[in-house]
Amino acid sequence: MQVINVNNVSVVDGNNIILRDISFDVDMGTFVSIIGKNGSGKSTLIKLLAGFLRYSGYIDINGYFLDDIGIRDIRKVASVVFDNMNEELLGNTVWECLAMNLINLGKSENYIKNRLGEVCSLFGIDKDLLNKKMILLDNSLRQKILIASAIMSRPSILFLDDCLSLLSGRDKHQVIGILKKLCIKDKMTVLMVTNNVEDVLESNEVIVLDNGEIMFKGNVKNIFRDIKKISKYNFDLPLIVELSIKLIDEGIINNIYLDDKKLVGALWK
């Protein structure tokens, strides 16, 4: 079942064409990475789908024509986390940050309390932190709490604009694991902009943007198995892909692997 349908969409800023006649679909429960060089239109795409930009073309979000619904309606089905932390949020307590979405949606105090307990347990957020100011926390913990806040409303769709870059290695591993579980268990759909090609390996699909156009959309395994295609867009290869290529050149294995356990299994044989 499709939850996002983008058809012949363009975004223009003055004489600048930021997105040029793009079309794609995203199925429910899919984890999609969006990659591309700086200025390729990645963040613009997230802002567009989150309802912040004007455009030409057609966008359907969860069965609704984007032009027919407002930001508040979009927030009932989709949450968004940007890479730049909102300075106003940093003055709030952790509790206020986590509960804000549900308060804005008019949820009851009892519902908020129960949901808060679930999300704190899921993300490993100590309840002793709830009364602390966000500004007193380190960048990684603040960003993890902002992502947890976006999950509070049980969104059908989650948009992430390069916000994993602020997470420590441990927190990133934990958060990606949570998101992947929610994609499977709750059929949540994730669209994640990232500049870290290693993060792409965690997703099901990848969209490659270049100069505002979609150059590739498909299974993440396929793009990393086409080395010429990757080199064309000046991406660094993930370490496991580089290792696979060297082992192929030495005649030790025959395929490129994206999973370290599968690579070890192939070597063990």
Protein backbone atom coordinates (compact mmCIF):
# COMPACT_ATOMS: atom_id res chain seq x y z
CA MET A 1 0.00 0.00 0.00
CA GLN A 2 1.39 3.38 -1.02
CA VAL A 3 1.52 6.13 1.63
CA ILE A 4 3.39 8.72 -0.45
CA ASN A 5 2.83 9.49 -4.12
CA VAL A 6 4.81 12.28 -5.78
CA ASN A 7 3.98 12.98 -9.41
CA ASN A 8 5.76 15.49 -11.69
CA VAL A 9 6.65 17.80 -8.81
CA SER A 10 8.89 20.85 -9.15
CA VAL A 11 10.03 23.47 -6.62
CA VAL A 12 11.26 26.81 -7.91
CA ASP A 13 12.88 29.63 -5.92
CA GLY A 14 13.09 32.70 -8.15
CA ASN A 15 15.14 31.60 -11.14
CA ASN A 16 16.43 28.55 -9.28
CA ILE A 17 14.88 25.14 -10.00
CA ILE A 18 15.51 23.23 -6.76
CA LEU A 19 13.48 20.12 -7.60
CA ARG A 20 12.81 19.34 -11.24
CA ASP A 21 9.79 17.25 -12.28
CA ILE A 22 10.34 14.42 -9.78
CA SER A 23 8.06 11.40 -9.39
CA PHE A 24 8.20 8.49 -6.96
CA ASP A 25 6.09 6.32 -4.63
CA VAL A 26 6.80 4.99 -1.15
CA ASP A 27 5.05 1.94 0.30
CA MET A 28 3.85 1.64 3.88
CA GLY A 29 6.49 0.42 6.33
CA THR A 30 9.44 1.24 4.06
CA PHE A 31 12.67 2.78 5.41
CA VAL A 32 13.98 5.09 2.67
CA SER A 33 17.34 6.91 2.64
CA ILE A 34 17.68 10.07 0.55
CA ILE A 35 21.25 10.84 -0.51
CA GLY A 36 22.98 13.26 -2.84
CA LYS A 37 25.61 15.98 -2.98
CA ASN A 38 25.12 19.27 -1.14
CA GLY A 39 22.58 21.36 -3.02
CA SER A 40 20.98 18.34 -4.71
CA GLY A 41 17.58 19.07 -3.13
CA LYS A 42 17.49 16.55 -0.27
CA SER A 43 16.35 18.89 2.52
CA THR A 44 13.98 20.68 0.13
CA LEU A 45 12.28 17.34 -0.55
CA ILE A 46 11.72 16.72 3.17
CA LYS A 47 10.38 20.25 3.75
CA LEU A 48 8.12 19.85 0.74
CA LEU A 49 6.61 16.56 1.94
CA ALA A 50 6.20 17.99 5.45
CA GLY A 51 4.02 20.76 4.01
CA PHE A 52 6.37 23.75 4.31
CA LEU A 53 6.93 24.64 0.64
CA ARG A 54 4.93 25.58 -2.42
CA TYR A 55 5.27 23.39 -5.49
CA SER A 56 3.80 22.46 -8.83
CA GLY A 57 2.60 18.94 -9.52
CA TYR A 58 0.77 16.41 -7.36
CA ILE A 59 1.58 15.01 -3.89
CA ASP A 60 -0.56 12.49 -2.04
CA ILE A 61 0.24 11.87 1.64
CA ASN A 62 -1.56 8.96 3.27
CA GLY A 63 -4.51 9.30 0.88
CA TYR A 64 -4.80 13.09 1.05
CA PHE A 65 -3.89 15.60 -1.65
CA LEU A 66 -1.24 17.78 0.04
CA ASP A 67 -2.79 21.00 -1.27
CA ASP A 68 -6.10 20.15 0.43
CA ILE A 69 -4.77 19.76 3.96
CA GLY A 70 -2.95 22.11 6.34
CA ILE A 71 0.15 21.65 8.50
CA ARG A 72 -1.96 20.61 11.50
CA ASP A 73 -3.64 17.87 9.45
CA ILE A 74 -0.28 16.67 8.14
CA ARG A 75 1.04 16.44 11.71
CA LYS A 76 -1.74 13.99 12.55
CA VAL A 77 -0.11 11.43 10.27
CA ALA A 78 3.48 12.63 9.80
CA SER A 79 6.23 13.89 12.12
CA VAL A 80 9.42 15.67 11.09
CA VAL A 81 12.81 16.21 12.76
CA PHE A 82 15.30 18.66 11.25
CA ASP A 83 19.08 18.79 11.63
CA ASN A 84 19.05 22.21 13.31
CA MET A 85 17.69 22.15 16.84
CA ASN A 86 14.93 24.66 17.54
CA GLU A 87 16.41 27.18 19.98
CA GLU A 88 13.02 27.64 21.63
CA LEU A 89 12.85 23.92 22.41
CA LEU A 90 16.19 24.06 24.17
CA GLY A 91 14.61 26.27 26.86
CA ASN A 92 11.98 23.64 27.59
CA THR A 93 12.22 20.66 29.89
CA VAL A 94 12.59 17.14 28.49
CA TRP A 95 8.99 16.43 29.56
CA GLU A 96 7.68 19.47 27.66
CA CYS A 97 9.64 18.49 24.55
CA LEU A 98 8.34 14.93 24.59
CA ALA A 99 4.73 15.84 25.37
CA MET A 100 4.41 18.87 23.07
CA ASN A 101 3.11 17.02 20.00
CA LEU A 102 0.41 15.23 21.98
CA ILE A 103 -0.62 18.41 23.80
CA ASN A 104 -0.99 20.17 20.45
CA LEU A 105 -3.10 17.27 19.20
CA GLY A 106 -5.41 17.62 22.22
CA LYS A 107 -4.59 14.26 23.84
CA SER A 108 -5.69 13.64 27.44
CA GLU A 109 -3.33 13.90 30.39
CA ASN A 110 -3.70 10.18 31.07
CA TYR A 111 -2.93 9.26 27.45
CA ILE A 112 0.17 11.49 27.47
CA LYS A 113 1.39 9.94 30.73
CA ASN A 114 1.02 6.38 29.42
CA ARG A 115 2.57 7.16 26.05
CA LEU A 116 5.45 8.99 27.74
CA GLY A 117 6.23 5.86 29.74
CA GLU A 118 6.22 3.72 26.59
CA VAL A 119 8.51 6.02 24.62
CA CYS A 120 10.95 6.62 27.50
CA SER A 121 11.24 2.84 27.91
CA LEU A 122 11.71 2.34 24.15
CA PHE A 123 14.47 4.95 23.85
CA GLY A 124 16.08 4.26 27.24
CA ILE A 125 15.34 7.79 28.51
CA ASP A 126 15.78 7.97 32.28
CA LYS A 127 12.67 9.44 33.90
CA ASP A 128 14.97 11.44 36.19
CA LEU A 129 15.76 13.53 33.09
CA LEU A 130 12.17 14.65 32.50
CA ASN A 131 12.42 17.82 34.59
CA LYS A 132 15.82 18.84 33.20
CA LYS A 133 16.20 21.63 30.67
CA MET A 134 17.03 20.44 27.17
CA ILE A 135 19.84 22.98 26.94
CA LEU A 136 21.69 21.21 29.77
CA LEU A 137 21.93 17.93 27.85
CA ASP A 138 24.63 16.98 25.35
CA ASN A 139 23.85 17.21 21.62
CA SER A 140 23.39 13.47 21.13
CA LEU A 141 20.90 13.07 23.99
CA ARG A 142 18.99 16.19 22.93
CA GLN A 143 18.67 14.90 19.39
CA LYS A 144 17.58 11.46 20.59
CA ILE A 145 14.86 13.11 22.70
CA LEU A 146 13.68 15.17 19.70
CA ILE A 147 13.39 11.98 17.64
CA ALA A 148 11.56 10.29 20.53
CA SER A 149 9.23 13.30 20.66
CA ALA A 150 8.40 12.81 16.99
CA ILE A 151 7.47 9.18 17.71
CA MET A 152 5.14 10.10 20.59
CA SER A 153 2.11 10.64 18.32
CA ARG A 154 2.55 7.24 16.62
CA PRO A 155 3.00 8.83 13.17
CA SER A 156 2.33 6.85 10.02
CA ILE A 157 5.27 8.68 8.42
CA LEU A 158 8.50 10.05 9.92
CA PHE A 159 10.67 12.56 8.04
CA LEU A 160 14.29 12.92 9.22
CA ASP A 161 16.45 15.70 7.77
CA ASP A 162 20.04 14.59 8.45
CA CYS A 163 19.35 14.63 12.20
CA LEU A 164 21.21 11.37 12.89
CA SER A 165 24.53 13.16 12.32
CA LEU A 166 24.30 14.68 15.82
CA LEU A 167 23.96 11.30 17.51
CA SER A 168 26.88 9.46 19.08
CA GLY A 169 27.71 6.09 17.55
CA ARG A 170 25.94 4.25 20.36
CA ASP A 171 22.82 6.45 20.22
CA LYS A 172 22.68 6.22 16.42
CA HIS A 173 22.81 2.42 16.53
CA GLN A 174 20.02 2.41 19.11
CA VAL A 175 17.79 4.90 17.27
CA ILE A 176 18.15 3.21 13.87
CA GLY A 177 17.30 -0.12 15.51
CA ILE A 178 14.14 1.42 17.02
CA LEU A 179 13.09 2.95 13.70
CA LYS A 180 13.58 -0.34 11.84
CA LYS A 181 11.46 -2.16 14.43
CA LEU A 182 8.69 0.45 14.14
CA CYS A 183 8.72 0.06 10.35
CA ILE A 184 8.11 -3.67 10.76
CA LYS A 185 5.86 -3.72 13.86
CA ASP A 186 3.78 -0.55 13.37
CA LYS A 187 4.21 -0.19 9.58
CA MET A 188 5.66 3.30 10.10
CA THR A 189 7.27 4.74 6.98
CA VAL A 190 10.61 6.56 7.35
CA LEU A 191 12.20 8.97 4.88
CA MET A 192 15.70 9.87 6.07
CA VAL A 193 18.05 12.42 4.52
CA THR A 194 21.63 11.48 5.29
CA ASN A 195 25.12 12.53 4.23
CA ASN A 196 26.63 9.40 5.77
CA VAL A 197 26.66 6.63 3.20
CA GLU A 198 27.08 4.00 5.96
CA ASP A 199 23.61 4.90 7.28
CA VAL A 200 22.10 4.01 3.92
CA LEU A 201 22.87 0.33 4.53
CA GLU A 202 20.24 0.32 7.29
CA SER A 203 17.39 1.25 4.93
CA ASN A 204 15.25 -0.79 2.53
CA GLU A 205 15.33 1.67 -0.35
CA VAL A 206 17.42 4.62 -1.48
CA ILE A 207 16.63 7.74 -3.49
CA VAL A 208 19.61 9.45 -5.13
CA LEU A 209 19.14 13.14 -5.94
CA ASP A 210 21.42 15.14 -8.22
CA ASN A 211 20.75 18.74 -9.24
CA GLY A 212 17.12 18.45 -8.17
CA GLU A 213 16.43 15.28 -10.16
CA ILE A 214 15.97 11.69 -9.05
CA MET A 215 18.78 9.66 -10.60
CA PHE A 216 18.00 6.38 -8.85
CA LYS A 217 15.27 4.91 -6.68
CA GLY A 218 15.19 1.32 -5.63
CA ASN A 219 16.46 -1.41 -3.37
CA VAL A 220 19.54 -0.32 -1.43
CA LYS A 221 21.38 -3.50 -2.41
CA ASN A 222 21.15 -2.70 -6.10
CA ILE A 223 22.86 0.69 -6.05
CA PHE A 224 25.89 -0.55 -4.10
CA ARG A 225 26.27 -3.45 -6.48
CA ASP A 226 26.67 -1.03 -9.38
CA ILE A 227 30.02 0.58 -8.62
CA LYS A 228 30.03 2.66 -11.81
CA LYS A 229 26.72 4.22 -10.80
CA ILE A 230 28.00 5.11 -7.33
CA SER A 231 31.27 6.61 -8.58
CA LYS A 232 29.29 8.77 -11.00
CA TYR A 233 27.72 10.61 -8.06
CA ASN A 234 31.00 10.97 -6.13
CA PHE A 235 29.86 8.96 -3.11
CA ASP A 236 32.26 7.24 -0.79
CA LEU A 237 31.62 3.53 -0.63
CA PRO A 238 30.64 1.92 2.68
CA LEU A 239 33.58 0.10 4.27
CA ILE A 240 31.97 -3.33 3.82
CA VAL A 241 31.46 -2.65 0.10
CA GLU A 242 35.10 -1.57 -0.33
CA LEU A 243 36.22 -4.72 1.49
CA SER A 244 33.97 -6.88 -0.67
CA ILE A 245 35.45 -5.37 -3.85
CA LYS A 246 39.02 -6.05 -2.67
CA LEU A 247 38.12 -9.65 -1.80
CA ILE A 248 36.51 -10.12 -5.23
CA ASP A 249 39.67 -8.77 -6.89
CA GLU A 250 41.67 -11.34 -4.92
CA GLY A 251 39.32 -14.12 -6.07
CA ILE A 252 38.23 -14.89 -2.50
CA ILE A 253 34.48 -14.12 -2.88
CA ASN A 254 32.15 -13.58 -5.84
CA ASN A 255 29.59 -11.06 -4.55
CA ILE A 256 29.44 -7.65 -2.89
CA TYR A 257 28.04 -7.94 0.64
CA LEU A 258 26.18 -5.27 2.61
CA ASP A 259 25.93 -7.24 5.84
CA ASP A 260 29.07 -8.01 7.85
CA LYS A 261 27.67 -11.28 9.22
CA LYS A 262 26.92 -12.55 5.70
CA LEU A 263 30.41 -11.53 4.58
CA VAL A 264 31.98 -13.40 7.49
CA GLY A 265 29.80 -16.40 6.63
CA ALA A 266 31.00 -16.31 3.02
CA LEU A 267 34.65 -16.12 4.16
CA TRP A 268 34.15 -18.95 6.65
CA LYS A 269 33.03 -21.26 3.85
